[in-house]
Amino acid sequence: MSKLHLVFGGRVKDPRTLEFEDPGKLDVVGIFPDYKSAEKAWRGVAQKSVDDAEMRYVVVHLHRLLEPEALKRPALRSAGTEESDG
């Protein structure tokens, strides 16, 4: 299964939380096939609103929502490899 990631954001009620003021007005940046490309998109949109403390963008690991039982299984890795796409 692909490790899909969703990037979205919007205005929050309190900068210390992720409670969005109006979920109907969220800015959906897109769905990405890996964390690296999602992070690149997130950095791009987050940088544009860096001076606005009430604007928040996030990366959501869709693969964790689509296949939650996979989190319970031990990861299968070859010796000497790392997986940074959590």
C-alpha atoms as a PDB file:
ATOM      1  CA  MET A   1       0.000   0.000   0.000  1.00  0.00           C
ATOM      2  CA  SER A   2       1.194   3.504  -0.781  1.00  0.00           C
ATOM      3  CA  LYS A   3       2.017   5.706   2.161  1.00  0.00           C
ATOM      4  CA  LEU A   4      -0.362   8.509   1.262  1.00  0.00           C
ATOM      5  CA  HIS A   5      -0.120  11.873   3.001  1.00  0.00           C
ATOM      6  CA  LEU A   6      -2.625  14.738   3.042  1.00  0.00           C
ATOM      7  CA  VAL A   7      -1.520  18.364   3.426  1.00  0.00           C
ATOM      8  CA  PHE A   8      -4.123  20.911   4.480  1.00  0.00           C
ATOM      9  CA  GLY A   9      -4.514  23.959   6.667  1.00  0.00           C
ATOM     10  CA  GLY A  10      -6.544  26.947   7.658  1.00  0.00           C
ATOM     11  CA  ARG A  11      -7.238  29.518  10.316  1.00  0.00           C
ATOM     12  CA  VAL A  12      -7.274  28.153  13.887  1.00  0.00           C
ATOM     13  CA  LYS A  13      -9.184  29.504  16.875  1.00  0.00           C
ATOM     14  CA  ASP A  14      -6.107  29.332  19.090  1.00  0.00           C
ATOM     15  CA  PRO A  15      -2.515  29.071  17.749  1.00  0.00           C
ATOM     16  CA  ARG A  16      -1.729  26.432  20.396  1.00  0.00           C
ATOM     17  CA  THR A  17      -4.345  24.019  19.007  1.00  0.00           C
ATOM     18  CA  LEU A  18      -5.548  22.502  15.758  1.00  0.00           C
ATOM     19  CA  GLU A  19      -9.163  23.577  16.238  1.00  0.00           C
ATOM     20  CA  PHE A  20      -9.965  25.167  12.906  1.00  0.00           C
ATOM     21  CA  GLU A  21     -12.331  28.161  12.833  1.00  0.00           C
ATOM     22  CA  ASP A  22     -14.261  26.994   9.786  1.00  0.00           C
ATOM     23  CA  PRO A  23     -13.570  23.439   8.580  1.00  0.00           C
ATOM     24  CA  GLY A  24     -15.585  24.210   5.450  1.00  0.00           C
ATOM     25  CA  LYS A  25     -12.922  26.717   4.408  1.00  0.00           C
ATOM     26  CA  LEU A  26      -9.853  24.510   4.852  1.00  0.00           C
ATOM     27  CA  ASP A  27      -7.163  24.851   2.220  1.00  0.00           C
ATOM     28  CA  VAL A  28      -6.563  21.322   0.914  1.00  0.00           C
ATOM     29  CA  VAL A  29      -3.123  21.456  -0.649  1.00  0.00           C
ATOM     30  CA  GLY A  30      -3.178  17.864  -1.894  1.00  0.00           C
ATOM     31  CA  ILE A  31      -2.520  14.179  -1.372  1.00  0.00           C
ATOM     32  CA  PHE A  32       1.053  13.001  -1.838  1.00  0.00           C
ATOM     33  CA  PRO A  33       2.566   9.533  -2.375  1.00  0.00           C
ATOM     34  CA  ASP A  34       5.289   9.883   0.260  1.00  0.00           C
ATOM     35  CA  TYR A  35       6.273  11.969   3.260  1.00  0.00           C
ATOM     36  CA  LYS A  36       9.115  13.738   1.484  1.00  0.00           C
ATOM     37  CA  SER A  37       6.863  15.263  -1.181  1.00  0.00           C
ATOM     38  CA  ALA A  38       4.154  16.066   1.393  1.00  0.00           C
ATOM     39  CA  GLU A  39       6.700  17.824   3.592  1.00  0.00           C
ATOM     40  CA  LYS A  40       7.948  19.851   0.624  1.00  0.00           C
ATOM     41  CA  ALA A  41       4.383  20.984  -0.149  1.00  0.00           C
ATOM     42  CA  TRP A  42       3.736  21.716   3.545  1.00  0.00           C
ATOM     43  CA  ARG A  43       6.895  23.827   3.818  1.00  0.00           C
ATOM     44  CA  GLY A  44       5.870  25.809   0.745  1.00  0.00           C
ATOM     45  CA  VAL A  45       2.413  26.753   2.021  1.00  0.00           C
ATOM     46  CA  ALA A  46       3.460  27.144   5.663  1.00  0.00           C
ATOM     47  CA  GLN A  47       6.230  29.564   4.673  1.00  0.00           C
ATOM     48  CA  LYS A  48       3.692  31.834   2.958  1.00  0.00           C
ATOM     49  CA  SER A  49       1.782  32.259   6.234  1.00  0.00           C
ATOM     50  CA  VAL A  50       4.737  32.280   8.633  1.00  0.00           C
ATOM     51  CA  ASP A  51       3.831  35.740   9.977  1.00  0.00           C
ATOM     52  CA  ASP A  52       0.202  34.763  10.693  1.00  0.00           C
ATOM     53  CA  ALA A  53       0.096  32.788  13.952  1.00  0.00           C
ATOM     54  CA  GLU A  54      -3.517  31.791  13.378  1.00  0.00           C
ATOM     55  CA  MET A  55      -2.812  29.973  10.099  1.00  0.00           C
ATOM     56  CA  ARG A  56      -1.745  26.343  10.499  1.00  0.00           C
ATOM     57  CA  TYR A  57      -0.875  23.700   7.934  1.00  0.00           C
ATOM     58  CA  VAL A  58      -0.443  20.016   8.753  1.00  0.00           C
ATOM     59  CA  VAL A  59       0.632  16.729   7.190  1.00  0.00           C
ATOM     60  CA  VAL A  60      -1.709  13.818   7.910  1.00  0.00           C
ATOM     61  CA  HIS A  61      -0.521  10.244   7.421  1.00  0.00           C
ATOM     62  CA  LEU A  62      -3.494   8.858   5.482  1.00  0.00           C
ATOM     63  CA  HIS A  63      -1.945   5.397   5.301  1.00  0.00           C
ATOM     64  CA  ARG A  64      -2.240   5.185   9.085  1.00  0.00           C
ATOM     65  CA  LEU A  65      -5.955   5.947   8.886  1.00  0.00           C
ATOM     66  CA  LEU A  66      -6.578   3.609   5.953  1.00  0.00           C
ATOM     67  CA  GLU A  67      -4.735   0.664   7.478  1.00  0.00           C
ATOM     68  CA  PRO A  68      -4.572   1.182  11.274  1.00  0.00           C
ATOM     69  CA  GLU A  69      -3.865  -2.513  11.925  1.00  0.00           C
ATOM     70  CA  ALA A  70      -0.524  -2.062  10.156  1.00  0.00           C
ATOM     71  CA  LEU A  71       0.635   0.058  13.083  1.00  0.00           C
ATOM     72  CA  LYS A  72       0.240  -2.938  15.372  1.00  0.00           C
ATOM     73  CA  ARG A  73       2.438  -5.203  13.213  1.00  0.00           C
ATOM     74  CA  PRO A  74       6.215  -4.984  13.507  1.00  0.00           C
ATOM     75  CA  ALA A  75       7.820  -3.262  10.534  1.00  0.00           C
ATOM     76  CA  LEU A  76       9.603  -5.534   8.089  1.00  0.00           C
ATOM     77  CA  ARG A  77      12.970  -4.059   7.205  1.00  0.00           C
ATOM     78  CA  SER A  78      16.107  -5.338   5.572  1.00  0.00           C
ATOM     79  CA  ALA A  79      19.298  -5.147   7.568  1.00  0.00           C
ATOM     80  CA  GLY A  80      20.898  -1.721   7.284  1.00  0.00           C
ATOM     81  CA  THR A  81      17.821   0.121   6.018  1.00  0.00           C
ATOM     82  CA  GLU A  82      15.778   2.794   7.709  1.00  0.00           C
ATOM     83  CA  GLU A  83      12.269   3.898   7.120  1.00  0.00           C
ATOM     84  CA  SER A  84      11.702   7.588   7.794  1.00  0.00           C
ATOM     85  CA  ASP A  85       8.196   7.717   6.337  1.00  0.00           C
ATOM     86  CA  GLY A  86       6.334   7.248   9.623  1.00  0.00           C
END
